[in-house]
Amino acid sequence: MYLPIMKNRNEEMKVISDMNHFFGESMIPLIEIIREEYDIKHKVDDKTGEYIYEKKPGNKRRSKIKLQPTEDDIITLEKIQERLSGKKGFIDFFRFSEGEYANKDFKGIELSFKLSRDYNYYTQRMMQIGNFSNLFPVISIKKGFIISEHDLINLVNELRKDNSSIAIRITDSYLEGYIALLEEHLTERDFIMLDIRNQHVDSKFIELEDFQELETDAYKIILNSPRSRNYKNGDYENLEFTKKIDNKVAIEYIDYDFDGFGDFGGLKDDLPSESGGNGKGAALGLIYLKEKNAFYSIVNYDTNMGMQGYENVRSEVLKRLGLLDSDNDCVTIKRIKNMEETFGNWATWNNLTLTRYIHQQATK
């Protein structure tokens, strides 16, 4: 079983919509909710019921006046269910601690900020997941967000009333303190996700053996984020399989008899950043090849070219179709081939990296 981990940002949500036909019992996305989505409403005339328009400075055309969204307008889970198109998904209302992510931009992650500081609101939002039969709640336990045994049992029991399956995601350093509870309160329909974060799998063999020996009928999944946030695009190798992403977990989970693994599909585990590059920086393409369990790295190092460097990245991809798309069936390579006048931006190529990874895990 493979769990692609995604935050509910635009590009990752596009990937879910485009790739949901690959999801099923052997591939279930784990979606970290960091922002709200709203049902956008517009101002209407009280008498006529017609929309009221305004002309904004610099615009030639008038536009409808948007109303400020309220709690009643939240459709975050509805939109995820719509994108999944009936397929299953794990939902982690994402919380983060101070210092966990550097240079984060709070604009756009106000929900995650609120969840991180209000446990009652966190549990309230978790309870809403039970309204969607194909969505499963993920209780996350990590540094800064330790849940007492009493509170965890209560939360599990409350979620159990409306959810057929429950997942507990726990950072490896906290597993020992919860072993008895996990063994007693989880069933064969539930999931335990051991998250080793960005640590190398070989350094966690003691924790992995403890997880292996856990006496439970629940599914055992190992999660990790093998792409470091510390590397910039220009730090990667050019025209070779990068050594900066060790994807060993995707193979070794089988050696421990775990039921599956999860990762970020070649993306970084990060939050939106305040620092902007004004479109400058090295252009990086990462193309995963499952037969080697590695990412082929293509870099345009000229930072002054910025996103224009993706024209060169595309050119190098097309020179290596025998290596990167020998079966001529890759949806990512097809999109790259179809680029003619524009060649994408940072978000486009993040989308391509994740799309390629999901396709390879599903079909190879």
Protein backbone atom coordinates (compact mmCIF):
# COMPACT_ATOMS: atom_id res chain seq x y z
CA MET A 1 0.00 0.00 0.00
CA TYR A 2 1.28 3.46 -0.89
CA LEU A 3 0.15 6.74 0.71
CA PRO A 4 1.10 9.88 -1.23
CA ILE A 5 1.21 12.69 1.35
CA MET A 6 -0.05 16.05 0.11
CA LYS A 7 -0.97 19.37 1.64
CA ASN A 8 -4.18 20.86 0.26
CA ARG A 9 -2.44 23.46 -1.90
CA ASN A 10 -3.56 24.15 -5.44
CA GLU A 11 -1.06 22.03 -7.37
CA GLU A 12 -1.35 19.01 -5.09
CA MET A 13 -5.13 19.19 -5.30
CA LYS A 14 -4.88 19.31 -9.10
CA VAL A 15 -2.83 16.11 -8.92
CA ILE A 16 -5.57 14.42 -6.88
CA SER A 17 -8.19 15.43 -9.45
CA ASP A 18 -6.04 14.26 -12.36
CA MET A 19 -4.74 11.04 -10.81
CA ASN A 20 -7.70 9.78 -8.74
CA HIS A 21 -8.26 6.90 -11.17
CA PHE A 22 -5.05 5.36 -9.83
CA PHE A 23 -6.28 5.47 -6.22
CA GLY A 24 -7.78 2.39 -4.60
CA GLU A 25 -7.07 -0.13 -1.86
CA SER A 26 -3.35 -0.15 -2.74
CA MET A 27 -2.99 3.65 -3.00
CA ILE A 28 -4.76 6.05 -0.65
CA PRO A 29 -3.70 9.72 -0.42
CA LEU A 30 -2.97 11.27 2.97
CA ILE A 31 -4.08 14.90 2.79
CA GLU A 32 -2.74 17.43 5.28
CA ILE A 33 -5.30 20.23 5.64
CA ILE A 34 -3.50 23.57 6.03
CA ARG A 35 -6.06 25.99 4.56
CA GLU A 36 -9.79 26.41 4.11
CA GLU A 37 -11.79 26.41 0.92
CA TYR A 38 -14.99 28.42 0.79
CA ASP A 39 -18.19 28.54 -1.18
CA ILE A 40 -17.69 31.99 -2.71
CA LYS A 41 -20.79 34.16 -2.48
CA HIS A 42 -21.49 37.54 -4.05
CA LYS A 43 -23.44 40.60 -2.99
CA VAL A 44 -26.97 40.88 -4.37
CA ASP A 45 -29.51 43.67 -4.48
CA ASP A 46 -32.04 43.19 -1.66
CA LYS A 47 -34.90 44.33 -3.87
CA THR A 48 -34.16 42.72 -7.24
CA GLY A 49 -32.08 39.75 -6.11
CA GLU A 50 -29.61 40.50 -8.89
CA TYR A 51 -25.83 40.63 -8.45
CA ILE A 52 -24.23 43.98 -7.69
CA TYR A 53 -21.18 44.84 -9.80
CA GLU A 54 -18.23 47.17 -9.29
CA LYS A 55 -15.40 48.43 -11.46
CA LYS A 56 -12.03 48.14 -9.70
CA PRO A 57 -9.23 50.64 -10.41
CA GLY A 58 -7.28 49.64 -13.51
CA ASN A 59 -9.96 47.25 -14.78
CA LYS A 60 -12.10 47.96 -17.82
CA ARG A 61 -14.81 45.46 -16.94
CA ARG A 62 -17.08 45.35 -13.93
CA SER A 63 -17.03 42.34 -11.62
CA LYS A 64 -19.30 40.89 -8.96
CA ILE A 65 -18.66 41.98 -5.38
CA LYS A 66 -17.43 39.07 -3.28
CA LEU A 67 -18.79 38.70 0.23
CA GLN A 68 -16.45 37.99 3.12
CA PRO A 69 -16.66 34.21 3.73
CA THR A 70 -17.97 32.88 7.04
CA GLU A 71 -17.68 29.57 8.90
CA ASP A 72 -20.92 28.50 7.21
CA ASP A 73 -19.24 28.88 3.81
CA ILE A 74 -16.46 26.36 4.53
CA ILE A 75 -16.43 23.51 1.98
CA THR A 76 -12.89 22.17 2.54
CA LEU A 77 -13.84 18.52 3.01
CA GLU A 78 -16.56 18.70 0.35
CA LYS A 79 -13.99 19.86 -2.21
CA ILE A 80 -11.59 17.08 -1.28
CA GLN A 81 -14.34 14.48 -1.58
CA GLU A 82 -15.23 15.92 -4.98
CA ARG A 83 -11.64 15.68 -6.21
CA LEU A 84 -11.28 12.11 -4.96
CA SER A 85 -14.32 11.14 -7.05
CA GLY A 86 -15.43 8.40 -4.68
CA LYS A 87 -11.95 7.12 -3.79
CA LYS A 88 -10.68 6.91 -0.21
CA GLY A 89 -8.54 9.54 1.48
CA PHE A 90 -6.90 10.06 4.87
CA ILE A 91 -7.47 13.50 6.41
CA ASP A 92 -4.93 15.06 8.78
CA PHE A 93 -6.01 18.46 10.07
CA PHE A 94 -2.44 19.70 10.09
CA ARG A 95 -0.81 21.26 13.13
CA PHE A 96 2.74 22.57 13.43
CA SER A 97 4.89 23.79 16.31
CA GLU A 98 7.03 26.91 16.54
CA GLY A 99 10.34 26.32 14.79
CA GLU A 100 9.17 23.19 12.96
CA TYR A 101 9.11 25.03 9.63
CA ALA A 102 11.36 28.01 8.82
CA ASN A 103 10.26 31.23 7.05
CA LYS A 104 6.63 30.16 6.94
CA ASP A 105 4.10 32.58 5.51
CA PHE A 106 0.99 32.63 7.70
CA LYS A 107 -1.09 34.01 4.86
CA GLY A 108 -2.96 31.04 3.47
CA ILE A 109 -2.36 28.71 6.44
CA GLU A 110 -4.53 30.50 9.00
CA LEU A 111 -6.49 27.29 9.53
CA SER A 112 -3.39 25.30 10.41
CA PHE A 113 -2.26 28.08 12.74
CA LYS A 114 -5.62 27.99 14.56
CA LEU A 115 -5.65 24.19 14.76
CA SER A 116 -2.18 24.28 16.30
CA ARG A 117 -3.29 26.54 19.13
CA ASP A 118 -6.78 25.31 19.95
CA TYR A 119 -7.17 21.61 20.75
CA ASN A 120 -10.94 21.90 21.12
CA TYR A 121 -11.23 23.39 17.64
CA TYR A 122 -8.93 20.64 16.34
CA THR A 123 -11.18 17.90 17.72
CA GLN A 124 -14.27 19.74 16.47
CA ARG A 125 -12.92 19.72 12.92
CA MET A 126 -11.86 16.08 13.23
CA MET A 127 -15.44 15.13 14.07
CA GLN A 128 -16.65 16.58 10.77
CA ILE A 129 -14.75 13.91 8.83
CA GLY A 130 -17.36 11.33 9.83
CA ASN A 131 -19.84 13.06 7.52
CA PHE A 132 -17.91 11.70 4.53
CA SER A 133 -17.89 7.92 4.10
CA ASN A 134 -14.73 7.82 1.98
CA LEU A 135 -12.62 10.07 4.26
CA PHE A 136 -10.75 8.68 7.28
CA PRO A 137 -9.50 10.80 10.22
CA VAL A 138 -5.80 10.86 11.10
CA ILE A 139 -4.87 11.70 14.69
CA SER A 140 -1.34 13.11 14.63
CA ILE A 141 1.04 12.84 17.59
CA LYS A 142 4.38 14.63 17.32
CA LYS A 143 6.62 17.14 19.10
CA GLY A 144 4.50 19.92 20.54
CA PHE A 145 1.29 17.93 20.09
CA ILE A 146 1.40 15.10 22.58
CA ILE A 147 -2.07 13.85 23.48
CA SER A 148 -2.63 12.36 26.92
CA GLU A 149 -3.76 8.75 27.11
CA HIS A 150 -7.12 9.83 28.52
CA ASP A 151 -7.73 12.39 25.77
CA LEU A 152 -6.55 10.05 23.03
CA ILE A 153 -8.87 7.24 24.11
CA ASN A 154 -11.77 9.69 24.26
CA LEU A 155 -10.95 11.04 20.81
CA VAL A 156 -10.67 7.55 19.31
CA ASN A 157 -13.98 6.51 20.86
CA GLU A 158 -15.77 9.64 19.61
CA LEU A 159 -14.37 9.25 16.09
CA ARG A 160 -15.30 5.57 16.10
CA LYS A 161 -19.01 6.49 16.24
CA ASP A 162 -19.05 7.91 12.70
CA ASN A 163 -15.92 6.55 11.01
CA SER A 164 -15.33 3.01 9.78
CA SER A 165 -11.55 3.41 10.04
CA ILE A 166 -9.25 5.59 12.15
CA ALA A 167 -5.55 6.30 11.71
CA ILE A 168 -3.00 7.37 14.30
CA ARG A 169 0.12 9.05 12.92
CA ILE A 170 2.93 9.12 15.45
CA THR A 171 6.51 10.35 15.24
CA ASP A 172 8.89 7.48 15.96
CA SER A 173 10.36 9.00 19.15
CA TYR A 174 6.92 8.85 20.83
CA LEU A 175 5.92 5.32 19.84
CA GLU A 176 7.11 3.64 23.05
CA GLY A 177 4.81 5.70 25.25
CA TYR A 178 1.71 4.67 23.30
CA ILE A 179 2.34 0.98 22.56
CA ALA A 180 -0.12 -0.41 25.12
CA LEU A 181 -2.86 1.99 24.04
CA LEU A 182 -2.35 1.24 20.34
CA GLU A 183 -2.46 -2.50 20.95
CA GLU A 184 -5.66 -2.26 22.97
CA HIS A 185 -7.76 0.31 21.14
CA LEU A 186 -7.12 -0.14 17.41
CA THR A 187 -8.83 -2.75 15.25
CA GLU A 188 -8.20 -4.53 11.96
CA ARG A 189 -9.92 -1.65 10.15
CA ASP A 190 -7.55 0.97 11.58
CA PHE A 191 -4.11 2.26 10.63
CA ILE A 192 -0.97 3.06 12.60
CA MET A 193 1.40 5.38 10.74
CA LEU A 194 4.94 5.57 12.11
CA ASP A 195 6.47 8.82 10.88
CA ILE A 196 10.28 8.96 10.82
CA ARG A 197 10.11 12.41 9.19
CA ASN A 198 13.35 13.24 7.32
CA GLN A 199 15.51 10.73 9.17
CA HIS A 200 17.31 7.97 7.30
CA VAL A 201 15.62 4.59 7.60
CA ASP A 202 18.88 2.82 8.52
CA SER A 203 19.28 5.01 11.61
CA LYS A 204 15.84 4.03 12.92
CA PHE A 205 16.18 0.25 13.00
CA ILE A 206 15.43 0.03 16.74
CA GLU A 207 12.21 2.03 16.39
CA LEU A 208 11.25 0.05 13.29
CA GLU A 209 11.77 -3.23 15.11
CA ASP A 210 9.58 -1.97 17.97
CA PHE A 211 6.93 -1.06 15.41
CA GLN A 212 7.31 -4.45 13.76
CA GLU A 213 6.75 -6.22 17.08
CA LEU A 214 3.66 -4.16 17.93
CA GLU A 215 0.83 -6.63 18.58
CA THR A 216 -2.08 -5.24 16.62
CA ASP A 217 -4.41 -6.16 13.79
CA ALA A 218 -4.30 -2.58 12.48
CA TYR A 219 -2.44 -1.80 9.26
CA LYS A 220 1.15 -0.71 9.85
CA ILE A 221 2.40 2.09 7.59
CA ILE A 222 5.79 3.83 7.68
CA LEU A 223 5.95 7.48 6.60
CA ASN A 224 8.97 9.58 5.74
CA SER A 225 10.05 12.72 3.90
CA PRO A 226 13.32 11.82 2.14
CA ARG A 227 13.74 15.13 0.27
CA SER A 228 15.46 17.59 2.58
CA ARG A 229 14.16 21.13 2.91
CA ASN A 230 17.78 22.30 3.21
CA TYR A 231 18.68 21.69 -0.43
CA LYS A 232 17.93 24.37 -2.99
CA ASN A 233 17.27 23.55 -6.64
CA GLY A 234 20.81 24.49 -7.61
CA ASP A 235 22.28 22.02 -5.09
CA TYR A 236 21.08 19.02 -7.10
CA GLU A 237 23.17 17.09 -9.61
CA ASN A 238 22.57 17.60 -13.32
CA LEU A 239 21.78 14.75 -15.72
CA GLU A 240 22.15 11.95 -13.21
CA PHE A 241 20.21 10.12 -10.53
CA THR A 242 20.45 12.33 -7.47
CA LYS A 243 22.02 11.06 -4.28
CA LYS A 244 20.28 13.78 -2.30
CA ILE A 245 16.99 11.84 -2.07
CA ASP A 246 17.34 8.40 -0.48
CA ASN A 247 14.07 6.62 -1.22
CA LYS A 248 15.00 3.43 0.61
CA VAL A 249 11.77 3.30 2.64
CA ALA A 250 9.81 2.55 -0.55
CA ILE A 251 11.59 -0.82 -0.67
CA GLU A 252 12.57 -1.65 2.89
CA TYR A 253 9.06 -1.41 4.37
CA ILE A 254 8.52 -4.89 2.91
CA ASP A 255 11.50 -6.30 4.84
CA TYR A 256 9.80 -5.28 8.09
CA ASP A 257 6.46 -6.81 7.02
CA PHE A 258 4.74 -3.43 7.15
CA ASP A 259 1.56 -3.05 5.14
CA GLY A 260 2.67 0.05 3.30
CA PHE A 261 4.67 3.25 3.15
CA GLY A 262 4.00 6.92 2.56
CA ASP A 263 6.04 9.90 1.39
CA PHE A 264 5.68 13.27 -0.33
CA GLY A 265 6.13 11.93 -3.85
CA GLY A 266 9.38 13.74 -4.53
CA LEU A 267 8.26 17.03 -2.98
CA LYS A 268 9.53 18.66 0.20
CA ASP A 269 7.56 18.53 3.43
CA ASP A 270 7.24 22.29 3.73
CA LEU A 271 4.82 25.13 4.29
CA PRO A 272 4.41 28.26 2.13
CA SER A 273 7.46 30.47 2.62
CA GLU A 274 7.73 34.23 3.13
CA SER A 275 10.92 34.42 1.08
CA GLY A 276 10.38 35.13 -2.58
CA GLY A 277 12.91 34.82 -5.37
CA ASN A 278 11.33 37.23 -7.86
CA GLY A 279 11.16 34.36 -10.33
CA LYS A 280 14.90 33.78 -10.09
CA GLY A 281 16.65 30.56 -9.15
CA ALA A 282 17.81 27.30 -10.67
CA ALA A 283 15.20 25.35 -12.65
CA LEU A 284 14.99 21.75 -11.39
CA GLY A 285 13.21 18.77 -12.84
CA LEU A 286 13.01 15.52 -10.82
CA ILE A 287 11.81 12.45 -12.72
CA TYR A 288 11.29 9.30 -10.62
CA LEU A 289 12.17 5.90 -12.06
CA LYS A 290 10.74 3.05 -10.01
CA GLU A 291 13.02 0.36 -11.43
CA LYS A 292 15.94 2.25 -9.87
CA ASN A 293 13.91 3.73 -6.99
CA ALA A 294 15.65 7.02 -7.70
CA PHE A 295 15.02 10.50 -9.08
CA TYR A 296 16.72 11.58 -12.30
CA SER A 297 17.78 15.17 -11.77
CA ILE A 298 17.92 17.83 -14.49
CA VAL A 299 19.07 21.32 -13.50
CA ASN A 300 19.49 24.61 -15.32
CA TYR A 301 21.98 26.31 -13.01
CA ASP A 302 21.63 29.82 -14.50
CA THR A 303 19.67 31.47 -11.70
CA ASN A 304 19.19 34.66 -13.73
CA MET A 305 17.10 32.67 -16.21
CA GLY A 306 14.86 31.52 -13.37
CA MET A 307 11.74 29.78 -14.63
CA GLN A 308 12.81 30.35 -18.23
CA GLY A 309 15.38 27.64 -17.53
CA TYR A 310 12.62 25.05 -17.72
CA GLU A 311 12.83 25.21 -21.51
CA ASN A 312 16.29 23.67 -21.17
CA VAL A 313 15.04 21.15 -18.59
CA ARG A 314 12.30 20.05 -21.01
CA SER A 315 14.84 19.70 -23.82
CA GLU A 316 17.02 17.41 -21.69
CA VAL A 317 14.00 15.28 -20.74
CA LEU A 318 13.09 14.76 -24.41
CA LYS A 319 16.65 13.64 -25.20
CA ARG A 320 16.27 10.78 -22.69
CA LEU A 321 12.91 9.24 -23.49
CA GLY A 322 14.50 5.79 -23.76
CA LEU A 323 15.52 6.04 -20.13
CA LEU A 324 12.64 8.03 -18.68
CA ASP A 325 9.68 6.71 -20.69
CA SER A 326 10.69 3.44 -22.32
CA ASP A 327 7.07 2.21 -22.40
CA ASN A 328 5.79 5.49 -23.86
CA ASP A 329 2.95 5.58 -21.32
CA CYS A 330 3.93 8.29 -18.83
CA VAL A 331 1.35 11.04 -18.36
CA THR A 332 4.04 13.40 -17.07
CA ILE A 333 6.31 12.93 -20.07
CA LYS A 334 3.32 13.44 -22.36
CA ARG A 335 2.65 16.81 -20.72
CA ILE A 336 6.31 17.78 -21.05
CA LYS A 337 6.27 16.84 -24.74
CA ASN A 338 3.22 19.05 -25.27
CA MET A 339 4.97 22.13 -23.87
CA GLU A 340 5.72 24.34 -26.86
CA GLU A 341 5.60 28.05 -26.10
CA THR A 342 5.52 28.03 -22.30
CA PHE A 343 7.45 25.63 -20.12
CA GLY A 344 5.94 26.00 -16.67
CA ASN A 345 6.99 27.47 -13.34
CA TRP A 346 8.08 26.10 -9.97
CA ALA A 347 4.54 24.94 -9.15
CA THR A 348 4.11 23.30 -12.56
CA TRP A 349 7.21 21.18 -12.10
CA ASN A 350 6.27 20.25 -8.54
CA ASN A 351 3.00 19.01 -10.03
CA LEU A 352 4.92 17.04 -12.67
CA THR A 353 7.26 15.49 -10.08
CA LEU A 354 4.35 14.31 -7.93
CA THR A 355 2.27 13.14 -10.90
CA ARG A 356 5.18 11.11 -12.24
CA TYR A 357 5.84 9.52 -8.84
CA ILE A 358 2.22 8.46 -8.37
CA HIS A 359 2.07 7.06 -11.91
CA GLN A 360 5.27 5.05 -11.41
CA GLN A 361 4.13 3.64 -8.05
CA ALA A 362 0.75 2.71 -9.52
CA THR A 363 1.86 1.11 -12.79
CA LYS A 364 5.45 -0.15 -12.53
